[in-house]
């Protein structure tokens, strides 16, 4: 077993840029742990019945850094992350989030920034669907779901052009 620190990668880019798809490939190839702040936030909102957090997500609002940092720090503290390394999907986005990573002792090995035109983002988000049972993400044109999943698909409330035209600040580290 190696004593070298794990590889930790930050994936940045707009919603539907392909961070999740790239993460799937990197997880399969290298065994990283994928940490998506959006997934963590949606899971927390659903599991605790947190209507305030759910409303923020539904309205495409930015969740306060202290909430996001707490969830990410909890996940980073788990043994699998410390052993295998992580893919941080959309985190950090702000200076305080970057400072939290540093304070947690996470050494960022690489940053991958995916850039795609707004028109492509709009096409991707309007066709994106999630299987409510498995959590798999599909696109109605580019990555169609299997027939048995069609009745379980949901269109996230924040996957609309109106929500994404607001823009999301990105911190370049």
N, C-alpha and C. Protein backbone atom coordinates (compact mmCIF):
# COMPACT_ATOMS: atom_id res chain seq x y z
N UNK A 1 0.84 -1.18 0.00
CA UNK A 1 0.00 0.00 0.00
C UNK A 1 0.88 1.25 0.00
N UNK A 2 0.57 2.22 -0.81
CA UNK A 2 1.38 3.43 -0.98
C UNK A 2 1.11 4.43 0.14
N UNK A 3 2.15 5.14 0.53
CA UNK A 3 2.00 6.20 1.52
C UNK A 3 1.74 7.55 0.89
N UNK A 4 1.72 7.60 -0.43
CA UNK A 4 1.49 8.87 -1.10
C UNK A 4 0.02 9.27 -0.93
N UNK A 5 -0.22 10.59 -0.89
CA UNK A 5 -1.60 11.05 -0.72
C UNK A 5 -2.44 10.67 -1.93
N UNK A 6 -3.75 10.53 -1.73
CA UNK A 6 -4.61 10.17 -2.86
C UNK A 6 -4.71 11.32 -3.87
N UNK A 7 -5.07 10.96 -5.07
CA UNK A 7 -5.30 11.96 -6.11
C UNK A 7 -6.69 12.54 -5.90
N UNK A 8 -6.77 13.85 -5.87
CA UNK A 8 -8.04 14.56 -5.70
C UNK A 8 -8.20 15.53 -6.86
N UNK A 9 -9.30 15.41 -7.57
CA UNK A 9 -9.53 16.22 -8.76
C UNK A 9 -10.77 17.07 -8.58
N UNK A 10 -10.68 18.33 -8.99
CA UNK A 10 -11.82 19.25 -8.99
C UNK A 10 -12.34 19.35 -10.42
N UNK A 11 -13.63 19.11 -10.59
CA UNK A 11 -14.29 19.25 -11.89
C UNK A 11 -15.17 20.48 -11.85
N UNK A 12 -14.91 21.43 -12.73
CA UNK A 12 -15.70 22.65 -12.78
C UNK A 12 -16.35 22.79 -14.15
N UNK A 13 -17.47 23.47 -14.17
CA UNK A 13 -18.16 23.74 -15.42
C UNK A 13 -19.63 24.00 -15.13
N UNK A 14 -20.33 24.51 -16.12
CA UNK A 14 -21.75 24.80 -15.92
C UNK A 14 -22.56 23.52 -15.76
N UNK A 15 -23.79 23.65 -15.27
CA UNK A 15 -24.67 22.48 -15.19
C UNK A 15 -24.78 21.85 -16.58
N UNK A 16 -24.79 20.54 -16.61
CA UNK A 16 -24.94 19.76 -17.85
C UNK A 16 -23.73 19.86 -18.78
N UNK A 17 -22.59 20.28 -18.25
CA UNK A 17 -21.38 20.36 -19.07
C UNK A 17 -20.78 18.98 -19.33
N UNK A 18 -21.15 18.01 -18.50
CA UNK A 18 -20.62 16.66 -18.64
C UNK A 18 -19.78 16.22 -17.46
N UNK A 19 -19.87 16.96 -16.35
CA UNK A 19 -19.08 16.60 -15.17
C UNK A 19 -19.46 15.21 -14.66
N UNK A 20 -20.75 14.92 -14.60
CA UNK A 20 -21.20 13.62 -14.12
C UNK A 20 -20.80 12.50 -15.04
N UNK A 21 -20.91 12.72 -16.34
CA UNK A 21 -20.52 11.71 -17.33
C UNK A 21 -19.03 11.44 -17.27
N UNK A 22 -18.22 12.50 -17.20
CA UNK A 22 -16.78 12.33 -17.07
C UNK A 22 -16.45 11.61 -15.76
N UNK A 23 -17.16 11.97 -14.70
CA UNK A 23 -16.93 11.33 -13.41
C UNK A 23 -17.16 9.83 -13.48
N UNK A 24 -18.22 9.41 -14.16
CA UNK A 24 -18.51 7.97 -14.29
C UNK A 24 -17.31 7.25 -14.90
N UNK A 25 -16.74 7.82 -15.94
CA UNK A 25 -15.59 7.20 -16.60
C UNK A 25 -14.37 7.16 -15.68
N UNK A 26 -14.11 8.26 -14.99
CA UNK A 26 -12.94 8.32 -14.10
C UNK A 26 -13.09 7.39 -12.90
N UNK A 27 -14.31 7.28 -12.39
CA UNK A 27 -14.56 6.36 -11.28
C UNK A 27 -14.29 4.92 -11.72
N UNK A 28 -14.80 4.56 -12.89
CA UNK A 28 -14.58 3.20 -13.41
C UNK A 28 -13.09 2.94 -13.64
N UNK A 29 -12.41 3.90 -14.23
CA UNK A 29 -11.01 3.71 -14.62
C UNK A 29 -10.05 3.75 -13.42
N UNK A 30 -10.29 4.67 -12.47
CA UNK A 30 -9.31 4.89 -11.40
C UNK A 30 -9.83 4.64 -9.99
N UNK A 31 -11.14 4.41 -9.83
CA UNK A 31 -11.68 4.10 -8.51
C UNK A 31 -11.90 5.28 -7.58
N UNK A 32 -11.91 6.49 -8.14
CA UNK A 32 -12.17 7.68 -7.31
C UNK A 32 -13.56 7.61 -6.68
N UNK A 33 -13.75 8.42 -5.66
CA UNK A 33 -15.07 8.64 -5.07
C UNK A 33 -15.61 9.93 -5.67
N UNK A 34 -16.79 9.86 -6.27
CA UNK A 34 -17.40 11.03 -6.89
C UNK A 34 -18.24 11.77 -5.85
N UNK A 35 -17.92 13.04 -5.65
CA UNK A 35 -18.67 13.88 -4.72
C UNK A 35 -19.28 15.03 -5.49
N UNK A 36 -20.58 14.97 -5.69
CA UNK A 36 -21.32 16.03 -6.36
C UNK A 36 -22.06 16.83 -5.30
N UNK A 37 -21.76 18.13 -5.22
CA UNK A 37 -22.44 18.95 -4.22
C UNK A 37 -23.95 18.97 -4.48
N UNK A 38 -24.34 18.98 -5.75
CA UNK A 38 -25.77 18.96 -6.06
C UNK A 38 -26.44 17.70 -5.53
N UNK A 39 -25.78 16.55 -5.73
CA UNK A 39 -26.33 15.29 -5.22
C UNK A 39 -26.40 15.30 -3.70
N UNK A 40 -25.35 15.79 -3.05
CA UNK A 40 -25.35 15.86 -1.58
C UNK A 40 -26.49 16.75 -1.07
N UNK A 41 -26.68 17.89 -1.73
CA UNK A 41 -27.72 18.82 -1.30
C UNK A 41 -29.12 18.23 -1.52
N UNK A 42 -29.34 17.62 -2.68
CA UNK A 42 -30.66 17.02 -2.95
C UNK A 42 -30.95 15.89 -1.98
N UNK A 43 -29.94 15.09 -1.68
CA UNK A 43 -30.11 13.98 -0.74
C UNK A 43 -30.44 14.51 0.65
N UNK A 44 -29.73 15.54 1.09
CA UNK A 44 -29.99 16.11 2.41
C UNK A 44 -31.39 16.72 2.49
N UNK A 45 -31.78 17.42 1.45
CA UNK A 45 -33.12 18.04 1.44
C UNK A 45 -34.21 16.97 1.51
N UNK A 46 -34.02 15.88 0.79
CA UNK A 46 -35.03 14.81 0.76
C UNK A 46 -35.05 14.01 2.06
N UNK A 47 -33.88 13.70 2.59
CA UNK A 47 -33.82 12.82 3.76
C UNK A 47 -34.28 13.49 5.04
N UNK A 48 -34.14 14.76 5.12
CA UNK A 48 -34.51 15.45 6.35
C UNK A 48 -35.76 16.29 6.20
N UNK A 49 -36.39 16.20 5.04
CA UNK A 49 -37.59 16.99 4.82
C UNK A 49 -37.32 18.48 4.95
N UNK A 50 -36.13 18.90 4.55
CA UNK A 50 -35.72 20.29 4.69
C UNK A 50 -36.35 21.12 3.58
N UNK A 51 -37.52 21.68 3.87
CA UNK A 51 -38.26 22.41 2.85
C UNK A 51 -37.56 23.70 2.43
N UNK A 52 -36.84 24.33 3.36
CA UNK A 52 -36.12 25.56 3.01
C UNK A 52 -35.01 25.25 2.00
N UNK A 53 -34.24 24.20 2.26
CA UNK A 53 -33.19 23.80 1.35
C UNK A 53 -33.79 23.37 0.02
N UNK A 54 -34.87 22.59 0.05
CA UNK A 54 -35.51 22.14 -1.17
C UNK A 54 -36.00 23.31 -2.00
N UNK A 55 -36.56 24.32 -1.34
CA UNK A 55 -37.04 25.51 -2.05
C UNK A 55 -35.89 26.24 -2.73
N UNK A 56 -34.75 26.32 -2.04
CA UNK A 56 -33.58 26.96 -2.64
C UNK A 56 -33.14 26.20 -3.89
N UNK A 57 -33.12 24.89 -3.80
CA UNK A 57 -32.72 24.07 -4.94
C UNK A 57 -33.73 24.21 -6.09
N UNK A 58 -35.01 24.19 -5.75
CA UNK A 58 -36.06 24.31 -6.76
C UNK A 58 -36.00 25.64 -7.49
N UNK A 59 -35.59 26.68 -6.77
CA UNK A 59 -35.54 28.02 -7.35
C UNK A 59 -34.19 28.35 -7.97
N UNK A 60 -33.28 27.38 -7.96
CA UNK A 60 -31.97 27.61 -8.56
C UNK A 60 -31.11 28.59 -7.78
N UNK A 61 -31.41 28.76 -6.49
CA UNK A 61 -30.65 29.69 -5.66
C UNK A 61 -29.35 29.02 -5.20
N UNK A 62 -28.36 29.84 -4.91
CA UNK A 62 -27.12 29.32 -4.36
C UNK A 62 -27.32 29.02 -2.88
N UNK A 63 -26.89 27.85 -2.47
CA UNK A 63 -26.99 27.44 -1.08
C UNK A 63 -25.80 28.07 -0.34
N UNK A 64 -26.02 28.58 0.87
CA UNK A 64 -24.93 29.20 1.62
C UNK A 64 -23.71 28.29 1.75
N UNK A 65 -22.53 28.91 1.67
CA UNK A 65 -21.28 28.16 1.75
C UNK A 65 -21.20 27.28 2.99
N UNK A 66 -21.68 27.78 4.13
CA UNK A 66 -21.53 26.99 5.35
C UNK A 66 -22.30 25.68 5.27
N UNK A 67 -23.42 25.66 4.56
CA UNK A 67 -24.19 24.43 4.38
C UNK A 67 -23.46 23.49 3.44
N UNK A 68 -23.02 24.02 2.30
CA UNK A 68 -22.31 23.20 1.31
C UNK A 68 -21.03 22.65 1.91
N UNK A 69 -20.26 23.50 2.59
CA UNK A 69 -18.99 23.07 3.17
C UNK A 69 -19.20 21.98 4.22
N UNK A 70 -20.24 22.09 5.01
CA UNK A 70 -20.51 21.08 6.05
C UNK A 70 -20.77 19.73 5.40
N UNK A 71 -21.59 19.71 4.37
CA UNK A 71 -21.91 18.44 3.70
C UNK A 71 -20.66 17.83 3.04
N UNK A 72 -19.89 18.65 2.37
CA UNK A 72 -18.68 18.15 1.71
C UNK A 72 -17.67 17.67 2.74
N UNK A 73 -17.49 18.43 3.82
CA UNK A 73 -16.54 18.04 4.86
C UNK A 73 -16.94 16.70 5.49
N UNK A 74 -18.24 16.50 5.71
CA UNK A 74 -18.71 15.22 6.26
C UNK A 74 -18.34 14.07 5.34
N UNK A 75 -18.52 14.29 4.04
CA UNK A 75 -18.24 13.22 3.07
C UNK A 75 -16.73 12.99 2.94
N UNK A 76 -15.96 14.07 2.92
CA UNK A 76 -14.50 13.94 2.80
C UNK A 76 -13.87 13.23 3.99
N UNK A 77 -14.52 13.30 5.15
CA UNK A 77 -13.98 12.70 6.36
C UNK A 77 -14.09 11.17 6.36
N UNK A 78 -14.88 10.63 5.43
CA UNK A 78 -15.06 9.18 5.39
C UNK A 78 -13.81 8.50 4.82
N UNK A 79 -13.56 7.32 5.33
CA UNK A 79 -12.35 6.57 5.01
C UNK A 79 -12.15 6.33 3.51
N UNK A 80 -13.24 6.04 2.79
CA UNK A 80 -13.10 5.73 1.36
C UNK A 80 -12.53 6.92 0.60
N UNK A 81 -12.93 8.13 0.96
CA UNK A 81 -12.41 9.33 0.29
C UNK A 81 -10.93 9.52 0.58
N UNK A 82 -10.55 9.28 1.81
CA UNK A 82 -9.17 9.46 2.21
C UNK A 82 -8.25 8.42 1.59
N UNK A 83 -8.78 7.25 1.29
CA UNK A 83 -7.96 6.19 0.70
C UNK A 83 -7.92 6.23 -0.82
N UNK A 84 -9.08 6.47 -1.45
CA UNK A 84 -9.18 6.36 -2.89
C UNK A 84 -9.01 7.66 -3.65
N UNK A 85 -9.17 8.78 -2.97
CA UNK A 85 -9.16 10.07 -3.66
C UNK A 85 -10.55 10.41 -4.16
N UNK A 86 -10.75 11.68 -4.49
CA UNK A 86 -12.09 12.14 -4.84
C UNK A 86 -12.11 12.93 -6.14
N UNK A 87 -13.29 12.93 -6.73
CA UNK A 87 -13.63 13.83 -7.83
C UNK A 87 -14.65 14.79 -7.25
N UNK A 88 -14.25 16.03 -7.09
CA UNK A 88 -15.15 17.05 -6.54
C UNK A 88 -15.88 17.72 -7.69
N UNK A 89 -17.15 17.45 -7.81
CA UNK A 89 -17.99 17.89 -8.91
C UNK A 89 -18.62 19.24 -8.57
N UNK A 90 -18.04 20.32 -9.11
CA UNK A 90 -18.59 21.64 -8.88
C UNK A 90 -18.22 22.24 -7.54
N UNK A 91 -17.18 21.77 -6.93
CA UNK A 91 -16.74 22.26 -5.63
C UNK A 91 -15.22 22.28 -5.64
N UNK A 92 -14.62 23.36 -5.23
CA UNK A 92 -15.17 24.59 -4.65
C UNK A 92 -15.57 25.60 -5.73
N UNK A 93 -16.54 26.44 -5.37
CA UNK A 93 -16.98 27.52 -6.26
C UNK A 93 -16.64 28.90 -5.70
N UNK A 94 -16.35 28.96 -4.42
CA UNK A 94 -16.06 30.25 -3.79
C UNK A 94 -14.76 30.16 -2.99
N UNK A 95 -14.28 31.31 -2.58
CA UNK A 95 -13.05 31.36 -1.79
C UNK A 95 -13.22 30.61 -0.47
N UNK A 96 -14.34 30.78 0.21
CA UNK A 96 -14.52 30.10 1.50
C UNK A 96 -14.60 28.58 1.31
N UNK A 97 -15.15 28.12 0.20
CA UNK A 97 -15.18 26.69 -0.07
C UNK A 97 -13.76 26.17 -0.31
N UNK A 98 -12.96 26.93 -1.03
CA UNK A 98 -11.57 26.53 -1.27
C UNK A 98 -10.80 26.51 0.04
N UNK A 99 -11.06 27.47 0.90
CA UNK A 99 -10.39 27.51 2.20
C UNK A 99 -10.78 26.33 3.07
N UNK A 100 -12.04 25.89 2.97
CA UNK A 100 -12.49 24.72 3.71
C UNK A 100 -11.73 23.48 3.25
N UNK A 101 -11.54 23.35 1.95
CA UNK A 101 -10.79 22.21 1.42
C UNK A 101 -9.37 22.20 1.98
N UNK A 102 -8.76 23.37 1.97
CA UNK A 102 -7.40 23.49 2.48
C UNK A 102 -7.35 23.16 3.97
N UNK A 103 -8.30 23.68 4.73
CA UNK A 103 -8.35 23.41 6.17
C UNK A 103 -8.58 21.93 6.46
N UNK A 104 -9.29 21.24 5.58
CA UNK A 104 -9.56 19.81 5.75
C UNK A 104 -8.36 18.97 5.33
N UNK A 105 -7.33 19.63 4.82
CA UNK A 105 -6.12 18.91 4.42
C UNK A 105 -6.22 18.21 3.08
N UNK A 106 -7.18 18.63 2.25
CA UNK A 106 -7.34 18.02 0.94
C UNK A 106 -6.38 18.69 -0.04
N UNK A 107 -5.50 17.89 -0.61
CA UNK A 107 -4.55 18.38 -1.59
C UNK A 107 -5.16 18.15 -2.97
N UNK A 108 -5.40 19.24 -3.69
CA UNK A 108 -5.97 19.14 -5.03
C UNK A 108 -4.85 18.81 -6.01
N UNK A 109 -5.00 17.70 -6.71
CA UNK A 109 -3.99 17.24 -7.65
C UNK A 109 -4.16 17.87 -9.02
N UNK A 110 -5.42 18.11 -9.41
CA UNK A 110 -5.70 18.66 -10.73
C UNK A 110 -7.07 19.31 -10.74
N UNK A 111 -7.22 20.28 -11.63
CA UNK A 111 -8.51 20.94 -11.85
C UNK A 111 -8.85 20.77 -13.33
N UNK A 112 -10.04 20.27 -13.58
CA UNK A 112 -10.53 20.14 -14.95
C UNK A 112 -11.72 21.08 -15.09
N UNK A 113 -11.60 22.02 -16.03
CA UNK A 113 -12.69 22.97 -16.27
C UNK A 113 -13.31 22.68 -17.63
N UNK A 114 -14.57 22.27 -17.62
CA UNK A 114 -15.28 21.97 -18.86
C UNK A 114 -16.01 23.22 -19.33
N UNK A 115 -15.71 23.63 -20.54
CA UNK A 115 -16.36 24.80 -21.11
C UNK A 115 -17.22 24.36 -22.29
N UNK A 116 -18.50 24.74 -22.24
CA UNK A 116 -19.40 24.47 -23.35
C UNK A 116 -20.28 25.70 -23.57
N UNK A 117 -20.72 25.91 -24.80
CA UNK A 117 -21.56 27.08 -25.08
C UNK A 117 -22.91 27.00 -24.35
N UNK A 118 -23.45 28.18 -24.03
CA UNK A 118 -24.76 28.25 -23.34
C UNK A 118 -25.84 27.50 -24.10
N UNK A 119 -25.79 27.55 -25.44
CA UNK A 119 -26.82 26.87 -26.23
C UNK A 119 -26.78 25.36 -25.99
N UNK A 120 -25.59 24.80 -25.80
CA UNK A 120 -25.45 23.37 -25.53
C UNK A 120 -25.96 23.06 -24.13
N UNK A 121 -25.64 23.94 -23.16
CA UNK A 121 -26.15 23.77 -21.81
C UNK A 121 -27.68 23.70 -21.84
N UNK A 122 -28.30 24.62 -22.55
CA UNK A 122 -29.77 24.65 -22.61
C UNK A 122 -30.33 23.36 -23.22
N UNK A 123 -29.72 22.88 -24.28
CA UNK A 123 -30.18 21.64 -24.92
C UNK A 123 -30.05 20.47 -23.95
N UNK A 124 -28.94 20.44 -23.26
CA UNK A 124 -28.71 19.33 -22.33
C UNK A 124 -29.64 19.36 -21.13
N UNK A 125 -29.82 20.52 -20.51
CA UNK A 125 -30.65 20.54 -19.30
C UNK A 125 -32.12 20.31 -19.59
N UNK A 126 -32.60 20.77 -20.74
CA UNK A 126 -34.02 20.58 -21.02
C UNK A 126 -34.34 19.13 -21.37
N UNK A 127 -33.34 18.36 -21.79
CA UNK A 127 -33.57 16.95 -22.11
C UNK A 127 -33.14 15.99 -21.01
N UNK A 128 -32.53 16.52 -19.96
CA UNK A 128 -32.01 15.67 -18.89
C UNK A 128 -33.14 15.14 -18.02
N UNK A 129 -33.07 13.85 -17.69
CA UNK A 129 -34.03 13.21 -16.80
C UNK A 129 -33.28 12.30 -15.85
N UNK A 130 -33.84 12.11 -14.67
CA UNK A 130 -33.23 11.27 -13.65
C UNK A 130 -34.19 10.14 -13.31
N UNK A 131 -33.65 8.94 -13.24
CA UNK A 131 -34.44 7.78 -12.82
C UNK A 131 -34.63 7.89 -11.31
N UNK A 132 -35.86 8.07 -10.90
CA UNK A 132 -36.18 8.29 -9.50
C UNK A 132 -35.84 7.09 -8.61
N UNK A 133 -35.70 5.91 -9.20
CA UNK A 133 -35.39 4.71 -8.43
C UNK A 133 -33.89 4.49 -8.32
N UNK A 134 -33.18 4.59 -9.44
CA UNK A 134 -31.74 4.27 -9.44
C UNK A 134 -30.83 5.48 -9.31
N UNK A 135 -31.35 6.66 -9.63
CA UNK A 135 -30.52 7.86 -9.61
C UNK A 135 -29.73 8.07 -10.89
N UNK A 136 -29.83 7.15 -11.85
CA UNK A 136 -29.11 7.31 -13.11
C UNK A 136 -29.65 8.51 -13.88
N UNK A 137 -28.73 9.20 -14.53
CA UNK A 137 -29.07 10.39 -15.31
C UNK A 137 -29.10 10.01 -16.78
N UNK A 138 -30.16 10.44 -17.46
CA UNK A 138 -30.32 10.17 -18.88
C UNK A 138 -30.61 11.48 -19.61
N UNK A 139 -30.52 11.41 -20.92
CA UNK A 139 -30.95 12.52 -21.77
C UNK A 139 -31.90 11.92 -22.78
N UNK A 140 -33.01 12.57 -23.00
CA UNK A 140 -34.05 12.00 -23.85
C UNK A 140 -33.59 11.81 -25.29
N UNK A 141 -32.56 12.53 -25.74
CA UNK A 141 -32.05 12.38 -27.10
C UNK A 141 -30.68 11.71 -27.11
N UNK A 142 -29.75 12.22 -26.30
CA UNK A 142 -28.35 11.79 -26.37
C UNK A 142 -28.03 10.53 -25.59
N UNK A 143 -28.77 10.25 -24.53
CA UNK A 143 -28.54 9.06 -23.71
C UNK A 143 -29.90 8.57 -23.21
N UNK A 144 -30.72 8.05 -24.14
CA UNK A 144 -32.09 7.66 -23.78
C UNK A 144 -32.13 6.59 -22.69
N UNK A 145 -33.14 6.69 -21.84
CA UNK A 145 -33.28 5.70 -20.76
C UNK A 145 -33.84 4.39 -21.31
N UNK A 146 -33.65 3.31 -20.56
CA UNK A 146 -34.29 2.06 -20.96
C UNK A 146 -35.81 2.18 -20.80
N UNK A 147 -36.54 1.41 -21.58
CA UNK A 147 -38.01 1.51 -21.56
C UNK A 147 -38.59 1.29 -20.17
N UNK A 148 -38.00 0.38 -19.40
CA UNK A 148 -38.56 0.09 -18.07
C UNK A 148 -38.41 1.27 -17.10
N UNK A 149 -37.56 2.22 -17.43
CA UNK A 149 -37.35 3.37 -16.54
C UNK A 149 -38.25 4.56 -16.88
N UNK A 150 -38.88 4.54 -18.03
CA UNK A 150 -39.63 5.71 -18.50
C UNK A 150 -40.65 6.24 -17.50
N UNK A 151 -41.35 5.38 -16.81
CA UNK A 151 -42.38 5.84 -15.87
C UNK A 151 -41.79 6.40 -14.58
N UNK A 152 -40.50 6.16 -14.34
CA UNK A 152 -39.86 6.63 -13.11
C UNK A 152 -39.08 7.92 -13.30
N UNK A 153 -38.97 8.40 -14.52
CA UNK A 153 -38.12 9.56 -14.79
C UNK A 153 -38.70 10.84 -14.22
N UNK A 154 -37.79 11.65 -13.69
CA UNK A 154 -38.19 12.98 -13.23
C UNK A 154 -37.33 14.03 -13.93
N UNK A 155 -37.90 15.19 -14.09
CA UNK A 155 -37.17 16.33 -14.64
C UNK A 155 -36.95 17.26 -13.46
N UNK A 156 -35.70 17.42 -13.05
CA UNK A 156 -35.41 18.24 -11.88
C UNK A 156 -36.00 19.63 -12.05
N UNK A 157 -36.53 20.14 -10.96
CA UNK A 157 -37.19 21.45 -11.02
C UNK A 157 -36.22 22.58 -11.35
N UNK A 158 -34.94 22.38 -11.11
CA UNK A 158 -33.96 23.42 -11.42
C UNK A 158 -33.35 23.25 -12.81
N UNK A 159 -33.77 22.23 -13.55
CA UNK A 159 -33.28 22.02 -14.91
C UNK A 159 -34.17 22.73 -15.92
N UNK A 160 -34.14 24.03 -15.85
CA UNK A 160 -34.90 24.86 -16.79
C UNK A 160 -34.00 25.97 -17.30
N UNK A 161 -34.27 26.46 -18.50
CA UNK A 161 -33.45 27.57 -19.01
C UNK A 161 -33.48 28.79 -18.09
N UNK A 162 -34.64 29.07 -17.50
CA UNK A 162 -34.76 30.24 -16.62
C UNK A 162 -33.79 30.15 -15.45
N UNK A 163 -33.67 28.98 -14.84
CA UNK A 163 -32.78 28.80 -13.69
C UNK A 163 -31.32 28.93 -14.09
N UNK A 164 -30.97 28.43 -15.26
CA UNK A 164 -29.57 28.42 -15.66
C UNK A 164 -29.13 29.73 -16.31
N UNK A 165 -30.06 30.55 -16.75
CA UNK A 165 -29.67 31.84 -17.29
C UNK A 165 -29.21 32.79 -16.21
N UNK A 166 -29.54 32.47 -14.96
CA UNK A 166 -29.09 33.29 -13.84
C UNK A 166 -27.58 33.25 -13.68
N UNK A 167 -26.99 32.15 -14.09
CA UNK A 167 -25.54 32.00 -14.01
C UNK A 167 -25.11 31.53 -12.64
N UNK A 168 -24.01 30.82 -12.59
CA UNK A 168 -23.45 30.31 -11.35
C UNK A 168 -22.00 30.77 -11.27
N UNK A 169 -21.65 31.45 -10.18
CA UNK A 169 -20.26 31.89 -10.07
C UNK A 169 -19.33 30.70 -9.94
N UNK A 170 -18.16 30.81 -10.56
CA UNK A 170 -17.17 29.76 -10.49
C UNK A 170 -15.85 30.38 -10.07
N UNK A 171 -15.23 29.79 -9.10
CA UNK A 171 -13.93 30.24 -8.63
C UNK A 171 -12.87 29.43 -9.34
N UNK A 172 -11.92 30.11 -9.92
CA UNK A 172 -10.82 29.42 -10.55
C UNK A 172 -9.65 29.40 -9.57
N UNK A 173 -9.21 28.21 -9.21
CA UNK A 173 -8.17 28.04 -8.20
C UNK A 173 -6.81 28.01 -8.88
